[in-house]
């Protein structure tokens, strides 16, 4: 029985180690071949950004009704997360 537990523990450790290695991003921090960024002048004048207008709503007759459902473990009037979600939908 002890031998089985040891084998299973070792197998679990190996699986976890392979999982970590497989999920590695593969990116390396090789900065030996990169150059330092060159210094550039800052722009002398900058124009103020133009004000953008909000897009106007168009009435093209293609109104679709969306039904949203919420599933909670308690009611929506208990002052918890479920109530906040429900009020956000309204």
PDB file of N, CA and C in Angstrom:
ATOM      1  N   UNK A   1       0.823  -1.187   0.000  1.00  0.00           N
ATOM      2  CA  UNK A   1       0.000   0.000   0.000  1.00  0.00           C
ATOM      3  C   UNK A   1       0.868   1.252   0.000  1.00  0.00           C
ATOM      4  N   UNK A   2       1.977   1.232   0.765  1.00  0.00           N
ATOM      5  CA  UNK A   2       2.862   2.391   0.816  1.00  0.00           C
ATOM      6  C   UNK A   2       3.531   2.612  -0.531  1.00  0.00           C
ATOM      7  N   UNK A   3       3.838   1.509  -1.200  1.00  0.00           N
ATOM      8  CA  UNK A   3       4.506   1.622  -2.489  1.00  0.00           C
ATOM      9  C   UNK A   3       3.571   2.268  -3.516  1.00  0.00           C
ATOM     10  N   UNK A   4       2.306   1.918  -3.469  1.00  0.00           N
ATOM     11  CA  UNK A   4       1.328   2.495  -4.393  1.00  0.00           C
ATOM     12  C   UNK A   4       1.182   3.993  -4.144  1.00  0.00           C
ATOM     13  N   UNK A   5       1.150   4.400  -2.876  1.00  0.00           N
ATOM     14  CA  UNK A   5       1.034   5.816  -2.542  1.00  0.00           C
ATOM     15  C   UNK A   5       2.246   6.596  -3.041  1.00  0.00           C
ATOM     16  N   UNK A   6       3.433   6.017  -2.888  1.00  0.00           N
ATOM     17  CA  UNK A   6       4.647   6.686  -3.355  1.00  0.00           C
ATOM     18  C   UNK A   6       4.643   6.826  -4.876  1.00  0.00           C
ATOM     19  N   UNK A   7       4.226   5.784  -5.561  1.00  0.00           N
ATOM     20  CA  UNK A   7       4.182   5.820  -7.024  1.00  0.00           C
ATOM     21  C   UNK A   7       3.156   6.850  -7.494  1.00  0.00           C
ATOM     22  N   UNK A   8       1.992   6.873  -6.861  1.00  0.00           N
ATOM     23  CA  UNK A   8       0.969   7.845  -7.235  1.00  0.00           C
ATOM     24  C   UNK A   8       1.419   9.273  -6.944  1.00  0.00           C
ATOM     25  N   UNK A   9       2.102   9.480  -5.823  1.00  0.00           N
ATOM     26  CA  UNK A   9       2.604  10.810  -5.492  1.00  0.00           C
ATOM     27  C   UNK A   9       3.644  11.260  -6.511  1.00  0.00           C
ATOM     28  N   UNK A  10       4.537  10.366  -6.887  1.00  0.00           N
ATOM     29  CA  UNK A  10       5.554  10.689  -7.887  1.00  0.00           C
ATOM     30  C   UNK A  10       4.911  10.975  -9.241  1.00  0.00           C
ATOM     31  N   UNK A  11       3.918  10.189  -9.601  1.00  0.00           N
ATOM     32  CA  UNK A  11       3.211  10.396 -10.856  1.00  0.00           C
ATOM     33  C   UNK A  11       2.494  11.745 -10.866  1.00  0.00           C
ATOM     34  N   UNK A  12       1.885  12.106  -9.761  1.00  0.00           N
ATOM     35  CA  UNK A  12       1.205  13.392  -9.651  1.00  0.00           C
ATOM     36  C   UNK A  12       2.191  14.548  -9.771  1.00  0.00           C
ATOM     37  N   UNK A  13       3.334  14.423  -9.141  1.00  0.00           N
ATOM     38  CA  UNK A  13       4.366  15.463  -9.224  1.00  0.00           C
ATOM     39  C   UNK A  13       4.849  15.613 -10.664  1.00  0.00           C
ATOM     40  N   UNK A  14       5.047  14.501 -11.352  1.00  0.00           N
ATOM     41  CA  UNK A  14       5.489  14.556 -12.743  1.00  0.00           C
ATOM     42  C   UNK A  14       4.438  15.200 -13.642  1.00  0.00           C
ATOM     43  N   UNK A  15       3.187  14.862 -13.422  1.00  0.00           N
ATOM     44  CA  UNK A  15       2.111  15.455 -14.223  1.00  0.00           C
ATOM     45  C   UNK A  15       2.047  16.955 -13.997  1.00  0.00           C
ATOM     46  N   UNK A  16       2.159  17.381 -12.754  1.00  0.00           N
ATOM     47  CA  UNK A  16       2.133  18.812 -12.459  1.00  0.00           C
ATOM     48  C   UNK A  16       3.338  19.525 -13.064  1.00  0.00           C
ATOM     49  N   UNK A  17       4.502  18.904 -12.998  1.00  0.00           N
ATOM     50  CA  UNK A  17       5.698  19.518 -13.578  1.00  0.00           C
ATOM     51  C   UNK A  17       5.566  19.648 -15.096  1.00  0.00           C
ATOM     52  N   UNK A  18       5.068  18.617 -15.761  1.00  0.00           N
ATOM     53  CA  UNK A  18       4.881  18.691 -17.210  1.00  0.00           C
ATOM     54  C   UNK A  18       3.819  19.723 -17.578  1.00  0.00           C
ATOM     55  N   UNK A  19       2.805  19.873 -16.746  1.00  0.00           N
ATOM     56  CA  UNK A  19       1.776  20.879 -17.001  1.00  0.00           C
ATOM     57  C   UNK A  19       2.361  22.277 -16.935  1.00  0.00           C
ATOM     58  N   UNK A  20       3.182  22.528 -15.943  1.00  0.00           N
ATOM     59  CA  UNK A  20       3.809  23.844 -15.813  1.00  0.00           C
ATOM     60  C   UNK A  20       4.728  24.110 -16.995  1.00  0.00           C
ATOM     61  N   UNK A  21       5.484  23.118 -17.401  1.00  0.00           N
ATOM     62  CA  UNK A  21       6.384  23.292 -18.538  1.00  0.00           C
ATOM     63  C   UNK A  21       5.616  23.476 -19.844  1.00  0.00           C
ATOM     64  N   UNK A  22       4.506  22.788 -19.996  1.00  0.00           N
ATOM     65  CA  UNK A  22       3.726  22.898 -21.226  1.00  0.00           C
ATOM     66  C   UNK A  22       3.027  24.246 -21.324  1.00  0.00           C
ATOM     67  N   UNK A  23       2.684  24.835 -20.207  1.00  0.00           N
ATOM     68  CA  UNK A  23       1.992  26.122 -20.204  1.00  0.00           C
ATOM     69  C   UNK A  23       2.950  27.296 -20.205  1.00  0.00           C
ATOM     70  N   UNK A  24       4.229  27.037 -20.300  1.00  0.00           N
ATOM     71  CA  UNK A  24       5.213  28.109 -20.338  1.00  0.00           C
ATOM     72  C   UNK A  24       5.003  28.930 -21.596  1.00  0.00           C
ATOM     73  N   UNK A  25       5.183  30.238 -21.488  1.00  0.00           N
ATOM     74  CA  UNK A  25       4.940  31.121 -22.628  1.00  0.00           C
ATOM     75  C   UNK A  25       5.984  30.951 -23.711  1.00  0.00           C
ATOM     76  N   UNK A  26       7.152  30.459 -23.380  1.00  0.00           N
ATOM     77  CA  UNK A  26       8.186  30.241 -24.367  1.00  0.00           C
ATOM     78  C   UNK A  26       8.969  31.495 -24.699  1.00  0.00           C
ATOM     79  N   UNK A  27       8.653  32.604 -24.092  1.00  0.00           N
ATOM     80  CA  UNK A  27       9.378  33.845 -24.343  1.00  0.00           C
ATOM     81  C   UNK A  27      10.640  33.862 -23.505  1.00  0.00           C
ATOM     82  N   UNK A  28      11.705  34.338 -24.108  1.00  0.00           N
ATOM     83  CA  UNK A  28      12.955  34.464 -23.377  1.00  0.00           C
ATOM     84  C   UNK A  28      13.327  35.923 -23.296  1.00  0.00           C
ATOM     85  N   UNK A  29      14.036  36.291 -22.278  1.00  0.00           N
ATOM     86  CA  UNK A  29      14.487  37.659 -22.078  1.00  0.00           C
ATOM     87  C   UNK A  29      15.910  37.795 -22.595  1.00  0.00           C
ATOM     88  N   UNK A  30      16.080  37.652 -23.890  1.00  0.00           N
ATOM     89  CA  UNK A  30      17.397  37.771 -24.504  1.00  0.00           C
ATOM     90  C   UNK A  30      17.588  39.211 -24.957  1.00  0.00           C
ATOM     91  N   UNK A  31      18.252  40.009 -24.124  1.00  0.00           N
ATOM     92  CA  UNK A  31      18.460  41.422 -24.441  1.00  0.00           C
ATOM     93  C   UNK A  31      19.888  41.695 -24.852  1.00  0.00           C
ATOM     94  N   UNK A  32      20.677  40.667 -25.075  1.00  0.00           N
ATOM     95  CA  UNK A  32      22.083  40.881 -25.405  1.00  0.00           C
ATOM     96  C   UNK A  32      22.259  41.466 -26.800  1.00  0.00           C
ATOM     97  N   UNK A  33      21.368  41.172 -27.737  1.00  0.00           N
ATOM     98  CA  UNK A  33      21.523  41.639 -29.103  1.00  0.00           C
ATOM     99  C   UNK A  33      20.723  42.885 -29.426  1.00  0.00           C
ATOM    100  N   UNK A  34      20.077  43.495 -28.454  1.00  0.00           N
ATOM    101  CA  UNK A  34      19.255  44.664 -28.742  1.00  0.00           C
ATOM    102  C   UNK A  34      20.029  45.932 -28.483  1.00  0.00           C
ATOM    103  N   UNK A  35      19.686  46.955 -29.241  1.00  0.00           N
ATOM    104  CA  UNK A  35      20.322  48.254 -29.077  1.00  0.00           C
ATOM    105  C   UNK A  35      19.473  49.120 -28.164  1.00  0.00           C
ATOM    106  N   UNK A  36      20.129  50.096 -27.561  1.00  0.00           N
ATOM    107  CA  UNK A  36      19.400  51.051 -26.738  1.00  0.00           C
ATOM    108  C   UNK A  36      18.593  51.956 -27.658  1.00  0.00           C
ATOM    109  N   UNK A  37      17.412  52.373 -27.243  1.00  0.00           N
ATOM    110  CA  UNK A  37      16.607  53.242 -28.096  1.00  0.00           C
ATOM    111  C   UNK A  37      17.286  54.595 -28.293  1.00  0.00           C
ATOM    112  N   UNK A  38      17.163  55.122 -29.512  1.00  0.00           N
ATOM    113  CA  UNK A  38      17.772  56.405 -29.814  1.00  0.00           C
ATOM    114  C   UNK A  38      16.943  57.530 -29.214  1.00  0.00           C
ATOM    115  N   UNK A  39      17.621  58.614 -28.864  1.00  0.00           N
ATOM    116  CA  UNK A  39      16.921  59.763 -28.301  1.00  0.00           C
ATOM    117  C   UNK A  39      16.268  60.541 -29.431  1.00  0.00           C
ATOM    118  N   UNK A  40      15.048  60.946 -29.216  1.00  0.00           N
ATOM    119  CA  UNK A  40      14.319  61.727 -30.207  1.00  0.00           C
ATOM    120  C   UNK A  40      13.821  63.005 -29.570  1.00  0.00           C
ATOM    121  N   UNK A  41      13.574  64.001 -30.408  1.00  0.00           N
ATOM    122  CA  UNK A  41      13.058  65.270 -29.911  1.00  0.00           C
ATOM    123  C   UNK A  41      11.570  65.136 -29.651  1.00  0.00           C
ATOM    124  N   UNK A  42      11.138  65.798 -28.616  1.00  0.00           N
ATOM    125  CA  UNK A  42       9.718  65.842 -28.324  1.00  0.00           C
ATOM    126  C   UNK A  42       9.073  66.851 -29.264  1.00  0.00           C
ATOM    127  N   UNK A  43       7.842  66.644 -29.650  1.00  0.00           N
ATOM    128  CA  UNK A  43       7.185  67.608 -30.526  1.00  0.00           C
ATOM    129  C   UNK A  43       7.033  68.951 -29.821  1.00  0.00           C
ATOM    130  N   UNK A  44       7.300  70.032 -30.581  1.00  0.00           N
ATOM    131  CA  UNK A  44       7.249  71.363 -29.985  1.00  0.00           C
ATOM    132  C   UNK A  44       5.819  71.810 -29.735  1.00  0.00           C
ATOM    133  N   UNK A  45       4.945  71.571 -30.696  1.00  0.00           N
ATOM    134  CA  UNK A  45       3.561  72.003 -30.589  1.00  0.00           C
ATOM    135  C   UNK A  45       2.665  70.794 -30.691  1.00  0.00           C
ATOM    136  N   UNK A  46       1.652  70.789 -29.894  1.00  0.00           N
ATOM    137  CA  UNK A  46       0.675  69.724 -30.042  1.00  0.00           C
ATOM    138  C   UNK A  46      -0.699  70.355 -30.145  1.00  0.00           C
ATOM    139  N   UNK A  47      -1.464  69.882 -31.091  1.00  0.00           N
ATOM    140  CA  UNK A  47      -2.813  70.401 -31.284  1.00  0.00           C
ATOM    141  C   UNK A  47      -3.742  69.723 -30.293  1.00  0.00           C
ATOM    142  N   UNK A  48      -4.739  70.471 -29.877  1.00  0.00           N
ATOM    143  CA  UNK A  48      -5.738  69.903 -28.982  1.00  0.00           C
ATOM    144  C   UNK A  48      -6.553  68.881 -29.767  1.00  0.00           C
ATOM    145  N   UNK A  49      -6.890  67.777 -29.148  1.00  0.00           N
ATOM    146  CA  UNK A  49      -7.674  66.779 -29.871  1.00  0.00           C
ATOM    147  C   UNK A  49      -9.054  67.334 -30.214  1.00  0.00           C
ATOM    148  N   UNK A  50      -9.503  67.004 -31.403  1.00  0.00           N
ATOM    149  CA  UNK A  50     -10.812  67.465 -31.829  1.00  0.00           C
ATOM    150  C   UNK A  50     -11.885  66.718 -31.061  1.00  0.00           C
ATOM    151  N   UNK A  51     -12.961  67.426 -30.784  1.00  0.00           N
ATOM    152  CA  UNK A  51     -14.059  66.803 -30.059  1.00  0.00           C
ATOM    153  C   UNK A  51     -14.788  65.869 -31.005  1.00  0.00           C
ATOM    154  N   UNK A  52     -15.004  64.673 -30.543  1.00  0.00           N
ATOM    155  CA  UNK A  52     -15.730  63.724 -31.376  1.00  0.00           C
ATOM    156  C   UNK A  52     -17.188  63.714 -30.961  1.00  0.00           C
ATOM    157  N   UNK A  53     -18.036  63.632 -31.946  1.00  0.00           N
ATOM    158  CA  UNK A  53     -19.464  63.610 -31.675  1.00  0.00           C
ATOM    159  C   UNK A  53     -19.902  62.168 -31.481  1.00  0.00           C
ATOM    160  N   UNK A  54     -20.845  61.983 -30.587  1.00  0.00           N
ATOM    161  CA  UNK A  54     -21.382  60.650 -30.362  1.00  0.00           C
ATOM    162  C   UNK A  54     -22.186  60.240 -31.586  1.00  0.00           C
ATOM    163  N   UNK A  55     -22.110  58.993 -31.969  1.00  0.00           N
ATOM    164  CA  UNK A  55     -22.883  58.567 -33.135  1.00  0.00           C
ATOM    165  C   UNK A  55     -24.371  58.688 -32.857  1.00  0.00           C
ATOM    166  N   UNK A  56     -25.073  59.230 -33.835  1.00  0.00           N
ATOM    167  CA  UNK A  56     -26.507  59.396 -33.670  1.00  0.00           C
ATOM    168  C   UNK A  56     -27.198  58.064 -33.896  1.00  0.00           C
ATOM    169  N   UNK A  57     -28.257  57.853 -33.134  1.00  0.00           N
ATOM    170  CA  UNK A  57     -29.003  56.617 -33.284  1.00  0.00           C
ATOM    171  C   UNK A  57     -29.843  56.702 -34.546  1.00  0.00           C
ATOM    172  N   UNK A  58     -29.814  55.675 -35.327  1.00  0.00           N
ATOM    173  CA  UNK A  58     -30.605  55.663 -36.552  1.00  0.00           C
ATOM    174  C   UNK A  58     -31.810  54.767 -36.353  1.00  0.00           C
ATOM    175  N   UNK A  59     -32.908  55.199 -36.895  1.00  0.00           N
ATOM    176  CA  UNK A  59     -34.132  54.416 -36.805  1.00  0.00           C
ATOM    177  C   UNK A  59     -34.340  53.730 -38.142  1.00  0.00           C
ATOM    178  N   UNK A  60     -33.731  52.573 -38.289  1.00  0.00           N
ATOM    179  CA  UNK A  60     -33.843  51.855 -39.550  1.00  0.00           C
ATOM    180  C   UNK A  60     -34.892  50.749 -39.489  1.00  0.00           C
ATOM    181  N   UNK A  61     -35.658  50.698 -38.426  1.00  0.00           N
ATOM    182  CA  UNK A  61     -36.729  49.718 -38.324  1.00  0.00           C
ATOM    183  C   UNK A  61     -36.254  48.314 -38.012  1.00  0.00           C
ATOM    184  N   UNK A  62     -35.011  48.151 -37.615  1.00  0.00           N
ATOM    185  CA  UNK A  62     -34.454  46.829 -37.341  1.00  0.00           C
ATOM    186  C   UNK A  62     -34.261  46.642 -35.837  1.00  0.00           C
ATOM    187  N   UNK A  63     -35.299  46.967 -35.076  1.00  0.00           N
ATOM    188  CA  UNK A  63     -35.217  46.859 -33.620  1.00  0.00           C
ATOM    189  C   UNK A  63     -35.359  45.402 -33.212  1.00  0.00           C
ATOM    190  N   UNK A  64     -34.406  44.934 -32.445  1.00  0.00           N
ATOM    191  CA  UNK A  64     -34.455  43.562 -31.948  1.00  0.00           C
ATOM    192  C   UNK A  64     -34.527  43.606 -30.435  1.00  0.00           C
ATOM    193  N   UNK A  65     -35.360  42.790 -29.875  1.00  0.00           N
ATOM    194  CA  UNK A  65     -35.517  42.713 -28.434  1.00  0.00           C
ATOM    195  C   UNK A  65     -34.567  41.654 -27.901  1.00  0.00           C
ATOM    196  N   UNK A  66     -33.808  42.014 -26.865  1.00  0.00           N
ATOM    197  CA  UNK A  66     -32.852  41.085 -26.284  1.00  0.00           C
ATOM    198  C   UNK A  66     -33.377  40.621 -24.927  1.00  0.00           C
ATOM    199  N   UNK A  67     -33.396  39.336 -24.729  1.00  0.00           N
ATOM    200  CA  UNK A  67     -33.803  38.767 -23.450  1.00  0.00           C
ATOM    201  C   UNK A  67     -32.549  38.387 -22.677  1.00  0.00           C
ATOM    202  N   UNK A  68     -32.454  38.852 -21.440  1.00  0.00           N
ATOM    203  CA  UNK A  68     -31.305  38.565 -20.596  1.00  0.00           C
ATOM    204  C   UNK A  68     -31.799  37.796 -19.382  1.00  0.00           C
ATOM    205  N   UNK A  69     -31.125  36.714 -19.072  1.00  0.00           N
ATOM    206  CA  UNK A  69     -31.475  35.922 -17.907  1.00  0.00           C
ATOM    207  C   UNK A  69     -30.361  35.942 -16.884  1.00  0.00           C
ATOM    208  N   UNK A  70     -30.715  35.825 -15.614  1.00  0.00           N
ATOM    209  CA  UNK A  70     -29.718  35.785 -14.547  1.00  0.00           C
ATOM    210  C   UNK A  70     -30.110  34.651 -13.605  1.00  0.00           C
ATOM    211  N   UNK A  71     -29.142  33.857 -13.245  1.00  0.00           N
ATOM    212  CA  UNK A  71     -29.362  32.715 -12.368  1.00  0.00           C
ATOM    213  C   UNK A  71     -28.582  32.948 -11.084  1.00  0.00           C
ATOM    214  N   UNK A  72     -29.271  33.002  -9.967  1.00  0.00           N
ATOM    215  CA  UNK A  72     -28.615  33.228  -8.684  1.00  0.00           C
ATOM    216  C   UNK A  72     -28.990  32.116  -7.717  1.00  0.00           C
ATOM    217  N   UNK A  73     -28.165  31.962  -6.696  1.00  0.00           N
ATOM    218  CA  UNK A  73     -28.458  30.958  -5.676  1.00  0.00           C
ATOM    219  C   UNK A  73     -29.387  31.504  -4.611  1.00  0.00           C
ATOM    220  N   UNK A  74     -29.557  32.813  -4.604  1.00  0.00           N
ATOM    221  CA  UNK A  74     -30.487  33.436  -3.672  1.00  0.00           C
ATOM    222  C   UNK A  74     -31.321  34.433  -4.459  1.00  0.00           C
ATOM    223  N   UNK A  75     -32.166  35.155  -3.780  1.00  0.00           N
ATOM    224  CA  UNK A  75     -33.015  36.128  -4.455  1.00  0.00           C
ATOM    225  C   UNK A  75     -32.223  37.313  -4.968  1.00  0.00           C
ATOM    226  N   UNK A  76     -32.905  38.167  -5.729  1.00  0.00           N
ATOM    227  CA  UNK A  76     -32.250  39.352  -6.257  1.00  0.00           C
ATOM    228  C   UNK A  76     -32.504  40.567  -5.370  1.00  0.00           C
ATOM    229  N   UNK A  77     -33.065  40.351  -4.206  1.00  0.00           N
ATOM    230  CA  UNK A  77     -33.339  41.468  -3.303  1.00  0.00           C
ATOM    231  C   UNK A  77     -32.710  41.240  -1.929  1.00  0.00           C
ATOM    232  N   UNK A  78     -31.557  40.567  -1.914  1.00  0.00           N
ATOM    233  CA  UNK A  78     -30.924  40.257  -0.642  1.00  0.00           C
ATOM    234  C   UNK A  78     -29.713  41.132  -0.346  1.00  0.00           C
ATOM    235  N   UNK A  79     -29.417  42.113  -1.198  1.00  0.00           N
ATOM    236  CA  UNK A  79     -28.313  43.034  -0.933  1.00  0.00           C
ATOM    237  C   UNK A  79     -26.945  42.453  -1.226  1.00  0.00           C
ATOM    238  N   UNK A  80     -26.887  41.408  -2.039  1.00  0.00           N
ATOM    239  CA  UNK A  80     -25.594  40.788  -2.332  1.00  0.00           C
ATOM    240  C   UNK A  80     -25.250  40.975  -3.805  1.00  0.00           C
ATOM    241  N   UNK A  81     -24.325  40.165  -4.286  1.00  0.00           N
ATOM    242  CA  UNK A  81     -23.849  40.254  -5.659  1.00  0.00           C
ATOM    243  C   UNK A  81     -24.983  40.044  -6.655  1.00  0.00           C
ATOM    244  N   UNK A  82     -25.891  39.135  -6.344  1.00  0.00           N
ATOM    245  CA  UNK A  82     -27.012  38.874  -7.239  1.00  0.00           C
ATOM    246  C   UNK A  82     -27.879  40.098  -7.447  1.00  0.00           C
ATOM    247  N   UNK A  83     -28.091  40.858  -6.392  1.00  0.00           N
ATOM    248  CA  UNK A  83     -28.891  42.072  -6.503  1.00  0.00           C
ATOM    249  C   UNK A  83     -28.163  43.114  -7.347  1.00  0.00           C
ATOM    250  N   UNK A  84     -26.851  43.225  -7.177  1.00  0.00           N
ATOM    251  CA  UNK A  84     -26.080  44.182  -7.970  1.00  0.00           C
ATOM    252  C   UNK A  84     -26.137  43.817  -9.453  1.00  0.00           C
ATOM    253  N   UNK A  85     -26.067  42.537  -9.768  1.00  0.00           N
ATOM    254  CA  UNK A  85     -26.170  42.102 -11.164  1.00  0.00           C
ATOM    255  C   UNK A  85     -27.545  42.423 -11.731  1.00  0.00           C
ATOM    256  N   UNK A  86     -28.575  42.148 -10.950  1.00  0.00           N
ATOM    257  CA  UNK A  86     -29.937  42.397 -11.403  1.00  0.00           C
ATOM    258  C   UNK A  86     -30.165  43.882 -11.656  1.00  0.00           C
ATOM    259  N   UNK A  87     -29.677  44.725 -10.752  1.00  0.00           N
ATOM    260  CA  UNK A  87     -29.845  46.166 -10.928  1.00  0.00           C
ATOM    261  C   UNK A  87     -29.028  46.669 -12.113  1.00  0.00           C
ATOM    262  N   UNK A  88     -27.912  46.026 -12.408  1.00  0.00           N
ATOM    263  CA  UNK A  88     -27.118  46.413 -13.565  1.00  0.00           C
ATOM    264  C   UNK A  88     -27.799  46.080 -14.878  1.00  0.00           C
ATOM    265  N   UNK A  89     -28.614  45.046 -14.895  1.00  0.00           N
ATOM    266  CA  UNK A  89     -29.337  44.669 -16.103  1.00  0.00           C
ATOM    267  C   UNK A  89     -30.464  45.651 -16.375  1.00  0.00           C
ATOM    268  N   UNK A  90     -31.094  46.130 -15.306  1.00  0.00           N
ATOM    269  CA  UNK A  90     -32.219  47.051 -15.499  1.00  0.00           C
ATOM    270  C   UNK A  90     -31.681  48.309 -16.040  1.00  0.00           C
TER     271      UNK A  90
END
